[in-house]
Amino acid sequence: MRTKVIVIAIATILVAGSAGAWLLVSEKRAAQERRQEFFGSTKEFPTTGGQKMKPEW
């Protein structure tokens, strides 16, 4: 009886730990994607049809 309780407790700890690790990793990945989307820039720099460089006063 005592062995079953120990095995169940170990299994519960392993399941809880793996679920917590999965949530932590997925949240880090989502935060990195949001950060890259917000701060990232396109690698294309079109040079046609832009504004004049010299302001007209």
N, C-alpha and C. Protein backbone atom coordinates (compact mmCIF):
# COMPACT_ATOMS: atom_id res chain seq x y z
N MET A 1 0.83 -1.20 0.00
CA MET A 1 0.00 0.00 0.00
C MET A 1 0.87 1.26 0.00
N ARG A 2 1.92 1.23 0.82
CA ARG A 2 2.80 2.40 0.93
C ARG A 2 3.55 2.63 -0.38
N THR A 3 3.92 1.57 -1.07
CA THR A 3 4.64 1.68 -2.34
C THR A 3 3.77 2.35 -3.40
N LYS A 4 2.49 2.01 -3.41
CA LYS A 4 1.57 2.63 -4.38
C LYS A 4 1.46 4.13 -4.15
N VAL A 5 1.40 4.53 -2.89
CA VAL A 5 1.30 5.95 -2.56
C VAL A 5 2.55 6.69 -3.02
N ILE A 6 3.71 6.09 -2.80
CA ILE A 6 4.97 6.72 -3.21
C ILE A 6 5.05 6.83 -4.73
N VAL A 7 4.66 5.79 -5.44
CA VAL A 7 4.68 5.81 -6.91
C VAL A 7 3.71 6.86 -7.44
N ILE A 8 2.54 6.94 -6.86
CA ILE A 8 1.55 7.93 -7.29
C ILE A 8 2.06 9.34 -7.00
N ALA A 9 2.70 9.54 -5.87
CA ALA A 9 3.24 10.86 -5.53
C ALA A 9 4.35 11.25 -6.50
N ILE A 10 5.23 10.32 -6.82
CA ILE A 10 6.32 10.62 -7.76
C ILE A 10 5.75 10.92 -9.15
N ALA A 11 4.78 10.15 -9.59
CA ALA A 11 4.15 10.38 -10.90
C ALA A 11 3.48 11.75 -10.93
N THR A 12 2.80 12.12 -9.85
CA THR A 12 2.13 13.42 -9.78
C THR A 12 3.15 14.55 -9.85
N ILE A 13 4.26 14.42 -9.14
CA ILE A 13 5.31 15.44 -9.16
C ILE A 13 5.90 15.57 -10.55
N LEU A 14 6.16 14.43 -11.22
CA LEU A 14 6.71 14.47 -12.57
C LEU A 14 5.75 15.13 -13.55
N VAL A 15 4.48 14.82 -13.46
CA VAL A 15 3.48 15.40 -14.36
C VAL A 15 3.37 16.91 -14.12
N ALA A 16 3.32 17.30 -12.87
CA ALA A 16 3.23 18.73 -12.55
C ALA A 16 4.48 19.48 -13.01
N GLY A 17 5.64 18.87 -12.82
CA GLY A 17 6.89 19.51 -13.24
C GLY A 17 6.98 19.65 -14.75
N SER A 18 6.59 18.62 -15.48
CA SER A 18 6.66 18.69 -16.93
C SER A 18 5.64 19.69 -17.48
N ALA A 19 4.46 19.76 -16.88
CA ALA A 19 3.46 20.73 -17.32
C ALA A 19 3.95 22.16 -17.04
N GLY A 20 4.56 22.37 -15.91
CA GLY A 20 5.09 23.69 -15.58
C GLY A 20 6.22 24.09 -16.52
N ALA A 21 7.10 23.15 -16.83
CA ALA A 21 8.20 23.44 -17.76
C ALA A 21 7.66 23.75 -19.15
N TRP A 22 6.66 23.01 -19.58
CA TRP A 22 6.07 23.25 -20.90
C TRP A 22 5.43 24.65 -20.97
N LEU A 23 4.72 25.02 -19.93
CA LEU A 23 4.11 26.35 -19.90
C LEU A 23 5.16 27.45 -19.89
N LEU A 24 6.23 27.25 -19.16
CA LEU A 24 7.30 28.23 -19.09
C LEU A 24 7.97 28.41 -20.45
N VAL A 25 8.27 27.31 -21.12
CA VAL A 25 8.93 27.37 -22.43
C VAL A 25 8.01 28.00 -23.46
N SER A 26 6.74 27.63 -23.46
CA SER A 26 5.82 28.19 -24.45
C SER A 26 5.61 29.69 -24.21
N GLU A 27 5.60 30.13 -22.97
CA GLU A 27 5.45 31.55 -22.68
C GLU A 27 6.68 32.33 -23.12
N LYS A 28 7.87 31.77 -22.92
CA LYS A 28 9.09 32.44 -23.38
C LYS A 28 9.09 32.57 -24.89
N ARG A 29 8.66 31.53 -25.58
CA ARG A 29 8.62 31.56 -27.04
C ARG A 29 7.62 32.60 -27.53
N ALA A 30 6.45 32.67 -26.89
CA ALA A 30 5.44 33.64 -27.29
C ALA A 30 5.93 35.07 -27.03
N ALA A 31 6.62 35.27 -25.90
CA ALA A 31 7.15 36.60 -25.60
C ALA A 31 8.22 36.99 -26.61
N GLN A 32 9.04 36.04 -27.01
CA GLN A 32 10.08 36.33 -27.99
C GLN A 32 9.46 36.69 -29.34
N GLU A 33 8.40 36.00 -29.74
CA GLU A 33 7.74 36.31 -31.00
C GLU A 33 7.10 37.70 -30.95
N ARG A 34 6.46 38.04 -29.82
CA ARG A 34 5.86 39.37 -29.69
C ARG A 34 6.92 40.46 -29.72
N ARG A 35 8.05 40.21 -29.06
CA ARG A 35 9.14 41.18 -29.03
C ARG A 35 9.72 41.37 -30.43
N GLN A 36 9.90 40.28 -31.16
CA GLN A 36 10.46 40.37 -32.50
C GLN A 36 9.49 41.08 -33.44
N GLU A 37 8.20 40.83 -33.29
CA GLU A 37 7.20 41.49 -34.13
C GLU A 37 7.15 42.99 -33.84
N PHE A 38 7.29 43.36 -32.57
CA PHE A 38 7.19 44.76 -32.20
C PHE A 38 8.45 45.54 -32.59
N PHE A 39 9.62 45.01 -32.26
CA PHE A 39 10.87 45.73 -32.48
C PHE A 39 11.51 45.41 -33.83
N GLY A 40 11.10 44.34 -34.45
CA GLY A 40 11.72 43.93 -35.71
C GLY A 40 11.39 44.91 -36.83
N SER A 41 12.21 44.87 -37.85
CA SER A 41 11.97 45.71 -39.01
C SER A 41 12.09 44.85 -40.25
N THR A 42 11.53 45.34 -41.32
CA THR A 42 11.64 44.60 -42.57
C THR A 42 13.04 44.77 -43.12
N LYS A 43 13.48 43.82 -43.87
CA LYS A 43 14.81 43.87 -44.46
C LYS A 43 14.79 44.58 -45.81
N GLU A 44 13.60 44.95 -46.28
CA GLU A 44 13.49 45.64 -47.56
C GLU A 44 13.40 47.14 -47.29
N PHE A 45 14.17 47.91 -48.02
CA PHE A 45 14.17 49.35 -47.88
C PHE A 45 13.87 49.97 -49.25
N PRO A 46 12.59 50.15 -49.58
CA PRO A 46 12.26 50.70 -50.89
C PRO A 46 12.75 52.15 -51.02
N THR A 47 13.28 52.48 -52.17
CA THR A 47 13.84 53.82 -52.37
C THR A 47 13.07 54.62 -53.39
N THR A 48 11.97 54.11 -53.90
CA THR A 48 11.19 54.86 -54.88
C THR A 48 9.90 55.36 -54.26
N GLY A 49 9.46 56.53 -54.71
CA GLY A 49 8.18 57.08 -54.25
C GLY A 49 8.20 57.58 -52.83
N GLY A 50 9.37 57.91 -52.28
CA GLY A 50 9.45 58.37 -50.90
C GLY A 50 9.27 59.87 -50.78
N GLN A 51 9.51 60.38 -49.60
CA GLN A 51 9.40 61.81 -49.35
C GLN A 51 10.71 62.51 -49.72
N LYS A 52 10.61 63.82 -49.90
CA LYS A 52 11.81 64.61 -50.16
C LYS A 52 12.65 64.69 -48.89
N MET A 53 13.95 64.68 -49.07
CA MET A 53 14.84 64.74 -47.91
C MET A 53 14.93 66.14 -47.33
N LYS A 54 14.83 67.15 -48.17
CA LYS A 54 14.95 68.53 -47.72
C LYS A 54 13.56 69.10 -47.42
N PRO A 55 13.35 69.56 -46.20
CA PRO A 55 12.02 70.13 -45.90
C PRO A 55 11.84 71.48 -46.61
N GLU A 56 10.63 71.73 -47.04
CA GLU A 56 10.33 73.02 -47.69
C GLU A 56 9.68 73.93 -46.66
N TRP A 57 10.29 75.08 -46.44
CA TRP A 57 9.81 76.01 -45.44
C TRP A 57 8.99 77.10 -46.08
